[in-house]
Protein backbone atom coordinates (compact mmCIF):
# COMPACT_ATOMS: atom_id res chain seq x y z
CA MET A 1 0.04 0.14 -0.03
CA ASP A 2 1.28 3.50 -0.85
CA LYS A 3 1.38 5.33 2.48
CA THR A 4 1.40 8.78 1.15
CA VAL A 5 -1.97 10.27 1.77
CA ASP A 6 -3.86 13.62 1.03
CA PHE A 7 -4.89 14.69 4.37
CA THR A 8 -6.94 17.48 3.01
CA ALA A 9 -9.16 15.05 0.84
CA ILE A 10 -9.54 12.77 3.75
CA ALA A 11 -10.57 15.62 6.08
CA ARG A 12 -13.34 16.73 3.81
CA VAL A 13 -15.01 13.20 4.21
CA ALA A 14 -13.74 12.35 7.83
CA LYS A 15 -15.35 15.57 9.36
CA ARG A 16 -18.80 13.92 8.37
CA ALA A 17 -17.97 10.38 8.93
CA GLU A 18 -18.39 8.20 11.85
CA LEU A 19 -17.32 4.38 11.96
CA LYS A 20 -20.27 2.35 12.88
CA SER A 21 -19.07 -1.21 12.16
CA VAL A 22 -16.14 -3.28 11.24
CA ARG A 23 -16.99 -6.95 10.06
CA LEU A 24 -14.68 -9.77 9.04
CA ILE A 25 -16.49 -10.92 5.83
CA GLU A 26 -14.06 -13.40 4.21
CA ILE A 27 -10.96 -15.40 5.50
CA SER A 28 -8.84 -18.02 4.14
CA ALA A 29 -5.57 -19.36 5.40
CA LYS A 30 -3.24 -22.50 5.10
CA CYS A 31 0.18 -23.41 6.31
CA GLU A 32 2.79 -26.06 5.74
CA PRO A 33 3.14 -27.69 9.09
CA ALA A 34 6.21 -29.73 8.19
CA VAL A 35 8.32 -26.59 7.88
CA THR A 36 9.53 -24.94 11.00
CA GLY A 37 11.78 -22.15 11.84
CA SER A 38 11.52 -18.41 11.74
CA LEU A 39 9.21 -16.58 9.38
CA VAL A 40 9.83 -13.68 6.89
CA PRO A 41 6.30 -12.20 6.79
CA SER A 42 4.72 -9.90 4.25
CA VAL A 43 1.39 -7.94 4.30
CA ASP A 44 -0.29 -6.39 1.34
CA LEU A 45 -3.40 -4.22 1.83
CA GLU A 46 -5.81 -2.67 -0.49
CA CYS A 47 -8.82 -0.63 0.91
CA LYS A 48 -11.30 0.85 -1.63
CA PRO A 49 -14.79 2.37 -1.51
CA GLY A 50 -17.78 0.00 -1.72
CA GLU A 51 -21.18 1.39 -1.76
CA LEU A 52 -21.96 4.97 -0.98
CA ALA A 53 -25.64 5.75 -0.21
CA HIS A 54 -26.89 9.12 1.03
CA ASP A 55 -25.98 8.45 4.62
CA THR A 56 -23.61 5.38 4.51
CA LEU A 57 -20.19 4.75 3.12
CA GLU A 58 -18.90 1.12 2.88
CA VAL A 59 -15.14 0.54 2.69
CA ILE A 60 -13.72 -2.96 1.91
CA CYS A 61 -10.17 -3.70 2.93
CA GLU A 62 -8.47 -6.79 1.52
CA TYR A 63 -5.34 -8.04 3.31
CA THR A 64 -2.88 -10.74 1.95
CA PHE A 65 -0.46 -12.29 4.34
CA SER A 66 2.35 -14.44 3.55
CA ALA A 67 5.44 -15.85 5.37
CA HIS A 68 8.44 -17.71 4.01
CA SER A 69 11.01 -19.84 5.78
CA ASN A 70 14.25 -20.52 3.90
CA GLN A 71 12.64 -19.37 0.52
CA VAL A 72 9.48 -21.76 1.15
CA LEU A 73 5.98 -20.39 1.34
CA VAL A 74 5.08 -21.58 4.77
CA VAL A 75 1.81 -19.42 5.61
CA SER A 76 -0.70 -17.90 3.19
CA SER A 77 -3.82 -15.95 4.13
CA SER A 78 -6.36 -13.65 2.69
CA ILE A 79 -8.66 -11.61 4.85
CA LYS A 80 -11.37 -9.24 3.98
CA TYR A 81 -13.13 -6.59 6.29
CA LEU A 82 -16.14 -4.50 5.56
CA LEU A 83 -16.10 -1.06 7.36
CA VAL A 84 -19.26 0.98 7.38
CA TYR A 85 -19.29 4.62 8.01
CA GLU A 86 -22.36 6.84 8.70
CA ILE A 87 -21.99 10.13 6.73
CA SER A 88 -23.74 13.17 8.13
CA ASP A 89 -26.07 15.39 5.96
CA GLY A 90 -24.37 17.53 3.25
CA GLU A 91 -23.15 17.56 -0.21
CA SER A 92 -21.99 14.05 -1.45
CA PRO A 93 -18.10 13.82 -1.34
CA SER A 94 -16.24 13.56 -4.47
CA PRO A 95 -15.26 10.18 -5.79
CA GLU A 96 -11.50 11.12 -5.43
CA ASP A 97 -12.14 12.23 -1.70
CA VAL A 98 -14.06 9.04 -1.06
CA ALA A 99 -11.31 6.94 -2.58
CA GLU A 100 -8.62 8.68 -0.59
CA PHE A 101 -10.66 8.43 2.58
CA ALA A 102 -11.24 4.70 2.04
CA ARG A 103 -7.69 3.95 1.42
CA ALA A 104 -6.41 5.94 4.59
CA ASN A 105 -9.16 5.50 7.08
CA GLY A 106 -10.08 2.01 5.97
CA ALA A 107 -6.52 0.97 6.63
CA LEU A 108 -6.28 2.80 9.88
CA ASN A 109 -9.63 1.46 11.22
CA SER A 110 -9.15 -1.97 10.14
CA TRP A 111 -5.35 -2.35 11.20
CA PRO A 112 -5.99 -3.33 14.82
CA PHE A 113 -8.30 -6.09 13.87
CA ILE A 114 -5.96 -7.61 11.33
CA ARG A 115 -3.16 -7.33 13.91
CA GLU A 116 -5.16 -9.51 16.19
CA VAL A 117 -6.14 -12.05 13.45
CA LEU A 118 -2.51 -12.42 12.19
CA TYR A 119 -1.06 -12.75 15.74
CA GLY A 120 -3.70 -15.49 16.52
CA LEU A 121 -3.38 -17.16 13.20
CA THR A 122 0.31 -17.68 13.25
CA SER A 123 0.23 -18.70 16.85
CA ARG A 124 -2.45 -21.30 16.23
CA MET A 125 -0.56 -22.53 13.30
CA GLY A 126 2.40 -23.36 15.61
CA TYR A 127 4.74 -20.56 14.52
CA PRO A 128 5.87 -17.65 16.61
CA PRO A 129 3.00 -15.13 16.84
CA PHE A 130 3.32 -12.39 14.26
CA THR A 131 2.73 -8.85 15.44
CA LEU A 132 1.92 -6.41 12.55
CA PRO A 133 3.87 -3.23 13.30
CA LEU A 134 2.24 0.15 13.72
CA MET A 135 1.02 1.99 10.52
CA HIS A 136 2.56 5.21 9.58
CA PHE A 137 1.46 7.61 7.00
CA SER A 138 3.17 10.57 5.41
CA THR A 139 1.87 13.61 3.66
CA GLN A 140 2.08 14.23 -0.02
CA PRO A 141 5.29 16.21 -0.71
CA LYS A 142 4.76 19.78 -1.58
CA LEU A 143 6.68 21.29 -4.46
CA LYS A 144 9.30 23.85 -3.22
CA PRO A 145 9.97 27.02 -5.07
CA LYS A 146 13.44 27.08 -6.72
CA SER A 147 15.54 29.43 -4.66
CA ASN A 148 18.87 29.58 -2.70
CA PRO A 149 17.79 29.55 0.95
CA LYS A 150 20.21 31.27 3.44
CA PRO A 151 22.17 28.73 5.33
CA LYS A 152 20.95 28.54 9.05
CA GLU A 153 22.87 30.00 11.72
CA PRO A 154 24.05 27.69 14.54
CA ASN A 155 21.73 27.55 17.57
CA SER A 156 18.83 28.98 15.48
CA GLY A 157 16.37 27.15 17.56
CA GLU A 158 16.41 23.96 15.51
CA ILE A 159 16.49 20.68 17.36
CA THR A 160 18.98 18.27 16.08
CA PRO A 161 18.80 14.65 17.09
CA GLY A 162 21.59 13.72 19.77
CA ALA A 163 22.39 17.31 20.58
CA GLU A 164 21.99 18.33 24.18
């Protein structure tokens, strides 16, 4: 998943949205029990808008999890969540804003649920429990005007890591 998000587009939908439910709607998983050892995990995610009614927005988040041990596929799983948001009255959001909201908020709101599923799934399969890391987003980079900025003077109030 591209983790660069347009917070302005998301905010136009988020200020009118309230999460009403998160439902696990599909899951499949398998493992190779004969293979043991440490796992190298991989998680892919796609969240996209589902149905948009006048007061409801559905977001579908599909996760694909795989783990390898010594180049052998040991665990594979696909998991799908349906998130339902209530949208307050007002003008219908643009399809672009809805898509950005679905991609970011769908991921953010379903992340704790998928963390729990993957932890339990890998543990029940007899492997060390997999803890999905925290999710981080970054803003879209802004174009900087071409200019030659003045060099900063020492002790200009900027905090430098490791400086005391």
